[in-house]
């Protein structure tokens, strides 16, 4: 369930890139990957 719904998020992110075609690719890479990594930490901080 966790991995499958994460894939839904990846689909949304990929389609959004295809639609928007970001004009500042490096800025997009740094900000988006930072957000992705931070939410990894938040995943483990969720109560049992």
ModelCIF file with pLDDT and N, C-alpha, C, O atoms, coordinates in Angstrom:
data_MODEL
#
_entry.id   MODEL 
#
_entity.id                         1 
_entity.type                       polymer 
_entity.pdbx_number_of_molecules   1 
#
_entity_poly.entity_id                      1 
_entity_poly.type                           'polypeptide(L)' 
_entity_poly.nstd_linkage                   no 
_entity_poly.nstd_monomer                   no 
_entity_poly.pdbx_seq_one_letter_code       
;(UNK)(UNK)(UNK)(UNK)(UNK)(UNK)(UNK)(UNK)(UNK)(UNK)(UNK)(UNK)(UNK)(UNK)(UNK)(UNK)
(UNK)(UNK)(UNK)(UNK)(UNK)(UNK)(UNK)(UNK)(UNK)(UNK)(UNK)(UNK)(UNK)(UNK)(UNK)(UNK)
(UNK)(UNK)(UNK)(UNK)(UNK)(UNK)(UNK)(UNK)(UNK)(UNK)(UNK)(UNK)(UNK)(UNK)(UNK)(UNK)
;
_entity_poly.pdbx_seq_one_letter_code_can   XXXXXXXXXXXXXXXXXXXXXXXXXXXXXXXXXXXXXXXXXXXXXXXX 
_entity_poly.pdbx_strand_id                 A 
#
loop_
_entity_poly_seq.entity_id 
_entity_poly_seq.num 
_entity_poly_seq.mon_id 
_entity_poly_seq.hetero 
1 1  UNK n 
1 2  UNK n 
1 3  UNK n 
1 4  UNK n 
1 5  UNK n 
1 6  UNK n 
1 7  UNK n 
1 8  UNK n 
1 9  UNK n 
1 10 UNK n 
1 11 UNK n 
1 12 UNK n 
1 13 UNK n 
1 14 UNK n 
1 15 UNK n 
1 16 UNK n 
1 17 UNK n 
1 18 UNK n 
1 19 UNK n 
1 20 UNK n 
1 21 UNK n 
1 22 UNK n 
1 23 UNK n 
1 24 UNK n 
1 25 UNK n 
1 26 UNK n 
1 27 UNK n 
1 28 UNK n 
1 29 UNK n 
1 30 UNK n 
1 31 UNK n 
1 32 UNK n 
1 33 UNK n 
1 34 UNK n 
1 35 UNK n 
1 36 UNK n 
1 37 UNK n 
1 38 UNK n 
1 39 UNK n 
1 40 UNK n 
1 41 UNK n 
1 42 UNK n 
1 43 UNK n 
1 44 UNK n 
1 45 UNK n 
1 46 UNK n 
1 47 UNK n 
1 48 UNK n 
#
_struct_asym.id          A 
_struct_asym.entity_id   1 
#
loop_
_ma_qa_metric.id 
_ma_qa_metric.mode 
_ma_qa_metric.name 
_ma_qa_metric.software_group_id 
_ma_qa_metric.type 
1 global pLDDT . pLDDT 
2 local  pLDDT . pLDDT 
#
_ma_qa_metric_global.metric_id      1 
_ma_qa_metric_global.metric_value   84.48 
_ma_qa_metric_global.model_id       1 
_ma_qa_metric_global.ordinal_id     1 
#
loop_
_ma_qa_metric_local.label_asym_id 
_ma_qa_metric_local.label_comp_id 
_ma_qa_metric_local.label_seq_id 
_ma_qa_metric_local.metric_id 
_ma_qa_metric_local.metric_value 
_ma_qa_metric_local.model_id 
_ma_qa_metric_local.ordinal_id 
A UNK 1  2 80.00 1 1  
A UNK 2  2 82.00 1 2  
A UNK 3  2 76.00 1 3  
A UNK 4  2 74.00 1 4  
A UNK 5  2 80.00 1 5  
A UNK 6  2 78.00 1 6  
A UNK 7  2 76.00 1 7  
A UNK 8  2 81.00 1 8  
A UNK 9  2 83.00 1 9  
A UNK 10 2 81.00 1 10 
A UNK 11 2 81.00 1 11 
A UNK 12 2 84.00 1 12 
A UNK 13 2 84.00 1 13 
A UNK 14 2 78.00 1 14 
A UNK 15 2 81.00 1 15 
A UNK 16 2 83.00 1 16 
A UNK 17 2 78.00 1 17 
A UNK 18 2 74.00 1 18 
A UNK 19 2 77.00 1 19 
A UNK 20 2 76.00 1 20 
A UNK 21 2 73.00 1 21 
A UNK 22 2 76.00 1 22 
A UNK 23 2 77.00 1 23 
A UNK 24 2 84.00 1 24 
A UNK 25 2 84.00 1 25 
A UNK 26 2 88.00 1 26 
A UNK 27 2 89.00 1 27 
A UNK 28 2 89.00 1 28 
A UNK 29 2 89.00 1 29 
A UNK 30 2 92.00 1 30 
A UNK 31 2 93.00 1 31 
A UNK 32 2 92.00 1 32 
A UNK 33 2 92.00 1 33 
A UNK 34 2 93.00 1 34 
A UNK 35 2 93.00 1 35 
A UNK 36 2 91.00 1 36 
A UNK 37 2 91.00 1 37 
A UNK 38 2 92.00 1 38 
A UNK 39 2 92.00 1 39 
A UNK 40 2 89.00 1 40 
A UNK 41 2 90.00 1 41 
A UNK 42 2 92.00 1 42 
A UNK 43 2 89.00 1 43 
A UNK 44 2 88.00 1 44 
A UNK 45 2 88.00 1 45 
A UNK 46 2 88.00 1 46 
A UNK 47 2 88.00 1 47 
A UNK 48 2 86.00 1 48 
#
loop_
_atom_site.group_PDB 
_atom_site.id 
_atom_site.type_symbol 
_atom_site.label_atom_id 
_atom_site.label_alt_id 
_atom_site.label_comp_id 
_atom_site.label_asym_id 
_atom_site.label_entity_id 
_atom_site.label_seq_id 
_atom_site.pdbx_PDB_ins_code 
_atom_site.Cartn_x 
_atom_site.Cartn_y 
_atom_site.Cartn_z 
_atom_site.occupancy 
_atom_site.B_iso_or_equiv 
_atom_site.pdbx_formal_charge 
_atom_site.auth_seq_id 
_atom_site.auth_comp_id 
_atom_site.auth_asym_id 
_atom_site.auth_atom_id 
_atom_site.pdbx_PDB_model_num 
ATOM 1   N N  . UNK A 1 1  ? 0.835  -1.208 0.000   1.00 80.00 ? 1  UNK A N  1 
ATOM 2   C CA . UNK A 1 1  ? 0.000  0.000  0.000   1.00 80.00 ? 1  UNK A CA 1 
ATOM 3   C C  . UNK A 1 1  ? 0.864  1.250  0.000   1.00 80.00 ? 1  UNK A C  1 
ATOM 4   O O  . UNK A 1 1  ? 0.613  2.191  -0.753  1.00 80.00 ? 1  UNK A O  1 
ATOM 5   N N  . UNK A 1 2  ? 1.882  1.251  0.851   1.00 82.00 ? 2  UNK A N  1 
ATOM 6   C CA . UNK A 1 2  ? 2.766  2.407  0.964   1.00 82.00 ? 2  UNK A CA 1 
ATOM 7   C C  . UNK A 1 2  ? 3.503  2.668  -0.344  1.00 82.00 ? 2  UNK A C  1 
ATOM 8   O O  . UNK A 1 2  ? 3.544  3.802  -0.821  1.00 82.00 ? 2  UNK A O  1 
ATOM 9   N N  . UNK A 1 3  ? 4.080  1.632  -0.917  1.00 76.00 ? 3  UNK A N  1 
ATOM 10  C CA . UNK A 1 3  ? 4.835  1.788  -2.159  1.00 76.00 ? 3  UNK A CA 1 
ATOM 11  C C  . UNK A 1 3  ? 3.906  2.099  -3.329  1.00 76.00 ? 3  UNK A C  1 
ATOM 12  O O  . UNK A 1 3  ? 4.245  2.897  -4.203  1.00 76.00 ? 3  UNK A O  1 
ATOM 13  N N  . UNK A 1 4  ? 2.735  1.468  -3.341  1.00 74.00 ? 4  UNK A N  1 
ATOM 14  C CA . UNK A 1 4  ? 1.814  1.693  -4.445  1.00 74.00 ? 4  UNK A CA 1 
ATOM 15  C C  . UNK A 1 4  ? 1.306  3.122  -4.480  1.00 74.00 ? 4  UNK A C  1 
ATOM 16  O O  . UNK A 1 4  ? 1.271  3.733  -5.548  1.00 74.00 ? 4  UNK A O  1 
ATOM 17  N N  . UNK A 1 5  ? 0.910  3.669  -3.338  1.00 80.00 ? 5  UNK A N  1 
ATOM 18  C CA . UNK A 1 5  ? 0.439  5.047  -3.305  1.00 80.00 ? 5  UNK A CA 1 
ATOM 19  C C  . UNK A 1 5  ? 1.575  6.033  -3.554  1.00 80.00 ? 5  UNK A C  1 
ATOM 20  O O  . UNK A 1 5  ? 1.349  7.116  -4.094  1.00 80.00 ? 5  UNK A O  1 
ATOM 21  N N  . UNK A 1 6  ? 2.787  5.668  -3.166  1.00 78.00 ? 6  UNK A N  1 
ATOM 22  C CA . UNK A 1 6  ? 3.937  6.505  -3.505  1.00 78.00 ? 6  UNK A CA 1 
ATOM 23  C C  . UNK A 1 6  ? 4.088  6.586  -5.019  1.00 78.00 ? 6  UNK A C  1 
ATOM 24  O O  . UNK A 1 6  ? 4.444  7.631  -5.563  1.00 78.00 ? 6  UNK A O  1 
ATOM 25  N N  . UNK A 1 7  ? 3.815  5.480  -5.689  1.00 76.00 ? 7  UNK A N  1 
ATOM 26  C CA . UNK A 1 7  ? 3.857  5.485  -7.145  1.00 76.00 ? 7  UNK A CA 1 
ATOM 27  C C  . UNK A 1 7  ? 2.830  6.422  -7.745  1.00 76.00 ? 7  UNK A C  1 
ATOM 28  O O  . UNK A 1 7  ? 3.084  7.043  -8.778  1.00 76.00 ? 7  UNK A O  1 
ATOM 29  N N  . UNK A 1 8  ? 1.656  6.534  -7.102  1.00 81.00 ? 8  UNK A N  1 
ATOM 30  C CA . UNK A 1 8  ? 0.654  7.492  -7.565  1.00 81.00 ? 8  UNK A CA 1 
ATOM 31  C C  . UNK A 1 8  ? 1.229  8.905  -7.498  1.00 81.00 ? 8  UNK A C  1 
ATOM 32  O O  . UNK A 1 8  ? 1.028  9.713  -8.404  1.00 81.00 ? 8  UNK A O  1 
ATOM 33  N N  . UNK A 1 9  ? 1.953  9.191  -6.401  1.00 83.00 ? 9  UNK A N  1 
ATOM 34  C CA . UNK A 1 9  ? 2.605  10.490 -6.289  1.00 83.00 ? 9  UNK A CA 1 
ATOM 35  C C  . UNK A 1 9  ? 3.629  10.706 -7.386  1.00 83.00 ? 9  UNK A C  1 
ATOM 36  O O  . UNK A 1 9  ? 3.731  11.805 -7.932  1.00 83.00 ? 9  UNK A O  1 
ATOM 37  N N  . UNK A 1 10 ? 4.394  9.664  -7.716  1.00 81.00 ? 10 UNK A N  1 
ATOM 38  C CA . UNK A 1 10 ? 5.385  9.777  -8.780  1.00 81.00 ? 10 UNK A CA 1 
ATOM 39  C C  . UNK A 1 10 ? 4.726  10.016 -10.133 1.00 81.00 ? 10 UNK A C  1 
ATOM 40  O O  . UNK A 1 10 ? 5.239  10.769 -10.960 1.00 81.00 ? 10 UNK A O  1 
ATOM 41  N N  . UNK A 1 11 ? 3.591  9.368  -10.347 1.00 81.00 ? 11 UNK A N  1 
ATOM 42  C CA . UNK A 1 11 ? 2.857  9.600  -11.596 1.00 81.00 ? 11 UNK A CA 1 
ATOM 43  C C  . UNK A 1 11 ? 2.446  11.066 -11.693 1.00 81.00 ? 11 UNK A C  1 
ATOM 44  O O  . UNK A 1 11 ? 2.613  11.702 -12.733 1.00 81.00 ? 11 UNK A O  1 
ATOM 45  N N  . UNK A 1 12 ? 1.908  11.589 -10.599 1.00 84.00 ? 12 UNK A N  1 
ATOM 46  C CA . UNK A 1 12 ? 1.479  12.988 -10.585 1.00 84.00 ? 12 UNK A CA 1 
ATOM 47  C C  . UNK A 1 12 ? 2.654  13.919 -10.828 1.00 84.00 ? 12 UNK A C  1 
ATOM 48  O O  . UNK A 1 12 ? 2.545  14.878 -11.592 1.00 84.00 ? 12 UNK A O  1 
ATOM 49  N N  . UNK A 1 13 ? 3.789  13.637 -10.174 1.00 84.00 ? 13 UNK A N  1 
ATOM 50  C CA . UNK A 1 13 ? 4.965  14.468 -10.369 1.00 84.00 ? 13 UNK A CA 1 
ATOM 51  C C  . UNK A 1 13 ? 5.493  14.415 -11.779 1.00 84.00 ? 13 UNK A C  1 
ATOM 52  O O  . UNK A 1 13 ? 5.879  15.441 -12.339 1.00 84.00 ? 13 UNK A O  1 
ATOM 53  N N  . UNK A 1 14 ? 5.515  13.218 -12.367 1.00 78.00 ? 14 UNK A N  1 
ATOM 54  C CA . UNK A 1 14 ? 5.999  13.073 -13.734 1.00 78.00 ? 14 UNK A CA 1 
ATOM 55  C C  . UNK A 1 14 ? 5.105  13.763 -14.739 1.00 78.00 ? 14 UNK A C  1 
ATOM 56  O O  . UNK A 1 14 ? 5.592  14.426 -15.655 1.00 78.00 ? 14 UNK A O  1 
ATOM 57  N N  . UNK A 1 15 ? 3.778  13.610 -14.575 1.00 81.00 ? 15 UNK A N  1 
ATOM 58  C CA . UNK A 1 15 ? 2.850  14.270 -15.482 1.00 81.00 ? 15 UNK A CA 1 
ATOM 59  C C  . UNK A 1 15 ? 2.917  15.788 -15.348 1.00 81.00 ? 15 UNK A C  1 
ATOM 60  O O  . UNK A 1 15 ? 2.764  16.517 -16.328 1.00 81.00 ? 15 UNK A O  1 
ATOM 61  N N  . UNK A 1 16 ? 3.148  16.256 -14.113 1.00 83.00 ? 16 UNK A N  1 
ATOM 62  C CA . UNK A 1 16 ? 3.253  17.698 -13.899 1.00 83.00 ? 16 UNK A CA 1 
ATOM 63  C C  . UNK A 1 16 ? 4.478  18.264 -14.603 1.00 83.00 ? 16 UNK A C  1 
ATOM 64  O O  . UNK A 1 16 ? 4.422  19.357 -15.167 1.00 83.00 ? 16 UNK A O  1 
ATOM 65  N N  . UNK A 1 17 ? 5.591  17.523 -14.574 1.00 78.00 ? 17 UNK A N  1 
ATOM 66  C CA . UNK A 1 17 ? 6.788  17.951 -15.295 1.00 78.00 ? 17 UNK A CA 1 
ATOM 67  C C  . UNK A 1 17 ? 6.531  17.985 -16.788 1.00 78.00 ? 17 UNK A C  1 
ATOM 68  O O  . UNK A 1 17 ? 6.905  18.939 -17.471 1.00 78.00 ? 17 UNK A O  1 
ATOM 69  N N  . UNK A 1 18 ? 5.887  16.933 -17.297 1.00 74.00 ? 18 UNK A N  1 
ATOM 70  C CA . UNK A 1 18 ? 5.596  16.875 -18.731 1.00 74.00 ? 18 UNK A CA 1 
ATOM 71  C C  . UNK A 1 18 ? 4.704  18.037 -19.159 1.00 74.00 ? 18 UNK A C  1 
ATOM 72  O O  . UNK A 1 18 ? 4.843  18.560 -20.264 1.00 74.00 ? 18 UNK A O  1 
ATOM 73  N N  . UNK A 1 19 ? 3.789  18.437 -18.279 1.00 77.00 ? 19 UNK A N  1 
ATOM 74  C CA . UNK A 1 19 ? 2.863  19.521 -18.620 1.00 77.00 ? 19 UNK A CA 1 
ATOM 75  C C  . UNK A 1 19 ? 3.509  20.897 -18.481 1.00 77.00 ? 19 UNK A C  1 
ATOM 76  O O  . UNK A 1 19 ? 3.296  21.768 -19.325 1.00 77.00 ? 19 UNK A O  1 
ATOM 77  N N  . UNK A 1 20 ? 4.298  21.101 -17.419 1.00 76.00 ? 20 UNK A N  1 
ATOM 78  C CA . UNK A 1 20 ? 4.846  22.427 -17.135 1.00 76.00 ? 20 UNK A CA 1 
ATOM 79  C C  . UNK A 1 20 ? 6.179  22.695 -17.824 1.00 76.00 ? 20 UNK A C  1 
ATOM 80  O O  . UNK A 1 20 ? 6.495  23.839 -18.151 1.00 76.00 ? 20 UNK A O  1 
ATOM 81  N N  . UNK A 1 21 ? 6.978  21.613 -18.051 1.00 73.00 ? 21 UNK A N  1 
ATOM 82  C CA . UNK A 1 21 ? 8.290  21.781 -18.683 1.00 73.00 ? 21 UNK A CA 1 
ATOM 83  C C  . UNK A 1 21 ? 9.078  22.905 -17.994 1.00 73.00 ? 21 UNK A C  1 
ATOM 84  O O  . UNK A 1 21 ? 9.287  23.958 -18.596 1.00 73.00 ? 21 UNK A O  1 
ATOM 85  N N  . UNK A 1 22 ? 9.521  22.701 -16.738 1.00 76.00 ? 22 UNK A N  1 
ATOM 86  C CA . UNK A 1 22 ? 10.145 23.775 -15.942 1.00 76.00 ? 22 UNK A CA 1 
ATOM 87  C C  . UNK A 1 22 ? 11.278 24.479 -16.677 1.00 76.00 ? 22 UNK A C  1 
ATOM 88  O O  . UNK A 1 22 ? 12.106 23.835 -17.321 1.00 76.00 ? 22 UNK A O  1 
ATOM 89  N N  . UNK A 1 23 ? 11.309 25.806 -16.577 1.00 77.00 ? 23 UNK A N  1 
ATOM 90  C CA . UNK A 1 23 ? 12.320 26.610 -17.260 1.00 77.00 ? 23 UNK A CA 1 
ATOM 91  C C  . UNK A 1 23 ? 13.597 26.761 -16.448 1.00 77.00 ? 23 UNK A C  1 
ATOM 92  O O  . UNK A 1 23 ? 14.630 27.142 -16.999 1.00 77.00 ? 23 UNK A O  1 
ATOM 93  N N  . UNK A 1 24 ? 13.551 26.470 -15.155 1.00 84.00 ? 24 UNK A N  1 
ATOM 94  C CA . UNK A 1 24 ? 14.746 26.536 -14.301 1.00 84.00 ? 24 UNK A CA 1 
ATOM 95  C C  . UNK A 1 24 ? 15.028 25.127 -13.777 1.00 84.00 ? 24 UNK A C  1 
ATOM 96  O O  . UNK A 1 24 ? 14.734 24.827 -12.620 1.00 84.00 ? 24 UNK A O  1 
ATOM 97  N N  . UNK A 1 25 ? 15.593 24.268 -14.615 1.00 84.00 ? 25 UNK A N  1 
ATOM 98  C CA . UNK A 1 25 ? 15.705 22.849 -14.236 1.00 84.00 ? 25 UNK A CA 1 
ATOM 99  C C  . UNK A 1 25 ? 16.549 22.591 -12.994 1.00 84.00 ? 25 UNK A C  1 
ATOM 100 O O  . UNK A 1 25 ? 16.175 21.762 -12.164 1.00 84.00 ? 25 UNK A O  1 
ATOM 101 N N  . UNK A 1 26 ? 17.680 23.283 -12.844 1.00 88.00 ? 26 UNK A N  1 
ATOM 102 C CA . UNK A 1 26 ? 18.536 23.006 -11.687 1.00 88.00 ? 26 UNK A CA 1 
ATOM 103 C C  . UNK A 1 26 ? 17.880 23.468 -10.401 1.00 88.00 ? 26 UNK A C  1 
ATOM 104 O O  . UNK A 1 26 ? 17.932 22.762 -9.394  1.00 88.00 ? 26 UNK A O  1 
ATOM 105 N N  . UNK A 1 27 ? 17.266 24.638 -10.416 1.00 89.00 ? 27 UNK A N  1 
ATOM 106 C CA . UNK A 1 27 ? 16.528 25.107 -9.246  1.00 89.00 ? 27 UNK A CA 1 
ATOM 107 C C  . UNK A 1 27 ? 15.424 24.116 -8.894  1.00 89.00 ? 27 UNK A C  1 
ATOM 108 O O  . UNK A 1 27 ? 15.210 23.805 -7.722  1.00 89.00 ? 27 UNK A O  1 
ATOM 109 N N  . UNK A 1 28 ? 14.729 23.624 -9.908  1.00 89.00 ? 28 UNK A N  1 
ATOM 110 C CA . UNK A 1 28 ? 13.671 22.637 -9.689  1.00 89.00 ? 28 UNK A CA 1 
ATOM 111 C C  . UNK A 1 28 ? 14.232 21.365 -9.069  1.00 89.00 ? 28 UNK A C  1 
ATOM 112 O O  . UNK A 1 28 ? 13.644 20.809 -8.142  1.00 89.00 ? 28 UNK A O  1 
ATOM 113 N N  . UNK A 1 29 ? 15.360 20.909 -9.578  1.00 89.00 ? 29 UNK A N  1 
ATOM 114 C CA . UNK A 1 29 ? 15.988 19.691 -9.039  1.00 89.00 ? 29 UNK A CA 1 
ATOM 115 C C  . UNK A 1 29 ? 16.320 19.859 -7.564  1.00 89.00 ? 29 UNK A C  1 
ATOM 116 O O  . UNK A 1 29 ? 15.986 18.996 -6.752  1.00 89.00 ? 29 UNK A O  1 
ATOM 117 N N  . UNK A 1 30 ? 16.970 20.957 -7.211  1.00 92.00 ? 30 UNK A N  1 
ATOM 118 C CA . UNK A 1 30 ? 17.416 21.150 -5.826  1.00 92.00 ? 30 UNK A CA 1 
ATOM 119 C C  . UNK A 1 30 ? 16.242 21.258 -4.862  1.00 92.00 ? 30 UNK A C  1 
ATOM 120 O O  . UNK A 1 30 ? 16.249 20.625 -3.806  1.00 92.00 ? 30 UNK A O  1 
ATOM 121 N N  . UNK A 1 31 ? 15.239 22.049 -5.211  1.00 93.00 ? 31 UNK A N  1 
ATOM 122 C CA . UNK A 1 31 ? 14.103 22.238 -4.314  1.00 93.00 ? 31 UNK A CA 1 
ATOM 123 C C  . UNK A 1 31 ? 13.264 20.971 -4.188  1.00 93.00 ? 31 UNK A C  1 
ATOM 124 O O  . UNK A 1 31 ? 12.869 20.585 -3.088  1.00 93.00 ? 31 UNK A O  1 
ATOM 125 N N  . UNK A 1 32 ? 12.995 20.327 -5.325  1.00 92.00 ? 32 UNK A N  1 
ATOM 126 C CA . UNK A 1 32 ? 12.128 19.152 -5.295  1.00 92.00 ? 32 UNK A CA 1 
ATOM 127 C C  . UNK A 1 32 ? 12.794 17.982 -4.572  1.00 92.00 ? 32 UNK A C  1 
ATOM 128 O O  . UNK A 1 32 ? 12.146 17.287 -3.789  1.00 92.00 ? 32 UNK A O  1 
ATOM 129 N N  . UNK A 1 33 ? 14.081 17.762 -4.828  1.00 92.00 ? 33 UNK A N  1 
ATOM 130 C CA . UNK A 1 33 ? 14.760 16.654 -4.151  1.00 92.00 ? 33 UNK A CA 1 
ATOM 131 C C  . UNK A 1 33 ? 14.918 16.932 -2.657  1.00 92.00 ? 33 UNK A C  1 
ATOM 132 O O  . UNK A 1 33 ? 14.859 16.003 -1.851  1.00 92.00 ? 33 UNK A O  1 
ATOM 133 N N  . UNK A 1 34 ? 15.118 18.201 -2.274  1.00 93.00 ? 34 UNK A N  1 
ATOM 134 C CA . UNK A 1 34 ? 15.187 18.543 -0.847  1.00 93.00 ? 34 UNK A CA 1 
ATOM 135 C C  . UNK A 1 34 ? 13.860 18.221 -0.162  1.00 93.00 ? 34 UNK A C  1 
ATOM 136 O O  . UNK A 1 34 ? 13.842 17.668 0.938   1.00 93.00 ? 34 UNK A O  1 
ATOM 137 N N  . UNK A 1 35 ? 12.753 18.568 -0.811  1.00 93.00 ? 35 UNK A N  1 
ATOM 138 C CA . UNK A 1 35 ? 11.434 18.259 -0.249  1.00 93.00 ? 35 UNK A CA 1 
ATOM 139 C C  . UNK A 1 35 ? 11.225 16.750 -0.153  1.00 93.00 ? 35 UNK A C  1 
ATOM 140 O O  . UNK A 1 35 ? 10.673 16.259 0.831   1.00 93.00 ? 35 UNK A O  1 
ATOM 141 N N  . UNK A 1 36 ? 11.666 16.016 -1.175  1.00 91.00 ? 36 UNK A N  1 
ATOM 142 C CA . UNK A 1 36 ? 11.513 14.565 -1.168  1.00 91.00 ? 36 UNK A CA 1 
ATOM 143 C C  . UNK A 1 36 ? 12.280 13.937 -0.008  1.00 91.00 ? 36 UNK A C  1 
ATOM 144 O O  . UNK A 1 36 ? 11.766 13.047 0.670   1.00 91.00 ? 36 UNK A O  1 
ATOM 145 N N  . UNK A 1 37 ? 13.498 14.396 0.219   1.00 91.00 ? 37 UNK A N  1 
ATOM 146 C CA . UNK A 1 37 ? 14.316 13.848 1.311   1.00 91.00 ? 37 UNK A CA 1 
ATOM 147 C C  . UNK A 1 37 ? 13.736 14.193 2.680   1.00 91.00 ? 37 UNK A C  1 
ATOM 148 O O  . UNK A 1 37 ? 13.736 13.359 3.586   1.00 91.00 ? 37 UNK A O  1 
ATOM 149 N N  . UNK A 1 38 ? 13.245 15.416 2.830   1.00 92.00 ? 38 UNK A N  1 
ATOM 150 C CA . UNK A 1 38 ? 12.693 15.826 4.121   1.00 92.00 ? 38 UNK A CA 1 
ATOM 151 C C  . UNK A 1 38 ? 11.465 15.002 4.483   1.00 92.00 ? 38 UNK A C  1 
ATOM 152 O O  . UNK A 1 38 ? 11.276 14.654 5.649   1.00 92.00 ? 38 UNK A O  1 
ATOM 153 N N  . UNK A 1 39 ? 10.635 14.689 3.507   1.00 92.00 ? 39 UNK A N  1 
ATOM 154 C CA . UNK A 1 39 ? 9.443  13.894 3.799   1.00 92.00 ? 39 UNK A CA 1 
ATOM 155 C C  . UNK A 1 39 ? 9.780  12.444 4.120   1.00 92.00 ? 39 UNK A C  1 
ATOM 156 O O  . UNK A 1 39 ? 8.971  11.743 4.728   1.00 92.00 ? 39 UNK A O  1 
ATOM 157 N N  . UNK A 1 40 ? 10.968 11.983 3.718   1.00 89.00 ? 40 UNK A N  1 
ATOM 158 C CA . UNK A 1 40 ? 11.427 10.663 4.153   1.00 89.00 ? 40 UNK A CA 1 
ATOM 159 C C  . UNK A 1 40 ? 11.560 10.643 5.672   1.00 89.00 ? 40 UNK A C  1 
ATOM 160 O O  . UNK A 1 40 ? 11.138 9.689  6.326   1.00 89.00 ? 40 UNK A O  1 
ATOM 161 N N  . UNK A 1 41 ? 12.152 11.705 6.232   1.00 90.00 ? 41 UNK A N  1 
ATOM 162 C CA . UNK A 1 41 ? 12.287 11.805 7.692   1.00 90.00 ? 41 UNK A CA 1 
ATOM 163 C C  . UNK A 1 41 ? 10.924 11.881 8.357   1.00 90.00 ? 41 UNK A C  1 
ATOM 164 O O  . UNK A 1 41 ? 10.693 11.236 9.379   1.00 90.00 ? 41 UNK A O  1 
ATOM 165 N N  . UNK A 1 42 ? 10.014 12.670 7.781   1.00 92.00 ? 42 UNK A N  1 
ATOM 166 C CA . UNK A 1 42 ? 8.685  12.818 8.367   1.00 92.00 ? 42 UNK A CA 1 
ATOM 167 C C  . UNK A 1 42 ? 7.917  11.494 8.355   1.00 92.00 ? 42 UNK A C  1 
ATOM 168 O O  . UNK A 1 42 ? 7.089  11.249 9.232   1.00 92.00 ? 42 UNK A O  1 
ATOM 169 N N  . UNK A 1 43 ? 8.188  10.653 7.375   1.00 89.00 ? 43 UNK A N  1 
ATOM 170 C CA . UNK A 1 43 ? 7.534  9.337  7.312   1.00 89.00 ? 43 UNK A CA 1 
ATOM 171 C C  . UNK A 1 43 ? 7.821  8.528  8.572   1.00 89.00 ? 43 UNK A C  1 
ATOM 172 O O  . UNK A 1 43 ? 6.914  7.947  9.168   1.00 89.00 ? 43 UNK A O  1 
ATOM 173 N N  . UNK A 1 44 ? 9.084  8.496  8.970   1.00 88.00 ? 44 UNK A N  1 
ATOM 174 C CA . UNK A 1 44 ? 9.466  7.706  10.140  1.00 88.00 ? 44 UNK A CA 1 
ATOM 175 C C  . UNK A 1 44 ? 9.028  8.353  11.448  1.00 88.00 ? 44 UNK A C  1 
ATOM 176 O O  . UNK A 1 44 ? 8.918  7.663  12.462  1.00 88.00 ? 44 UNK A O  1 
ATOM 177 N N  . UNK A 1 45 ? 8.774  9.667  11.451  1.00 88.00 ? 45 UNK A N  1 
ATOM 178 C CA . UNK A 1 45 ? 8.349  10.352 12.662  1.00 88.00 ? 45 UNK A CA 1 
ATOM 179 C C  . UNK A 1 45 ? 6.871  10.163 12.973  1.00 88.00 ? 45 UNK A C  1 
ATOM 180 O O  . UNK A 1 45 ? 6.415  10.538 14.053  1.00 88.00 ? 45 UNK A O  1 
ATOM 181 N N  . UNK A 1 46 ? 6.120  9.590  12.045  1.00 88.00 ? 46 UNK A N  1 
ATOM 182 C CA . UNK A 1 46 ? 4.704  9.329  12.296  1.00 88.00 ? 46 UNK A CA 1 
ATOM 183 C C  . UNK A 1 46 ? 4.559  8.322  13.443  1.00 88.00 ? 46 UNK A C  1 
ATOM 184 O O  . UNK A 1 46 ? 5.302  7.342  13.489  1.00 88.00 ? 46 UNK A O  1 
ATOM 185 N N  . UNK A 1 47 ? 3.621  8.542  14.364  1.00 88.00 ? 47 UNK A N  1 
ATOM 186 C CA . UNK A 1 47 ? 3.407  7.585  15.463  1.00 88.00 ? 47 UNK A CA 1 
ATOM 187 C C  . UNK A 1 47 ? 3.055  6.196  14.935  1.00 88.00 ? 47 UNK A C  1 
ATOM 188 O O  . UNK A 1 47 ? 2.553  6.050  13.821  1.00 88.00 ? 47 UNK A O  1 
ATOM 189 N N  . UNK A 1 48 ? 3.325  5.190  15.745  1.00 86.00 ? 48 UNK A N  1 
ATOM 190 C CA . UNK A 1 48 ? 3.133  3.805  15.317  1.00 86.00 ? 48 UNK A CA 1 
ATOM 191 C C  . UNK A 1 48 ? 1.697  3.503  14.916  1.00 86.00 ? 48 UNK A C  1 
ATOM 192 O O  . UNK A 1 48 ? 1.387  2.375  14.534  1.00 86.00 ? 48 UNK A O  1 
#
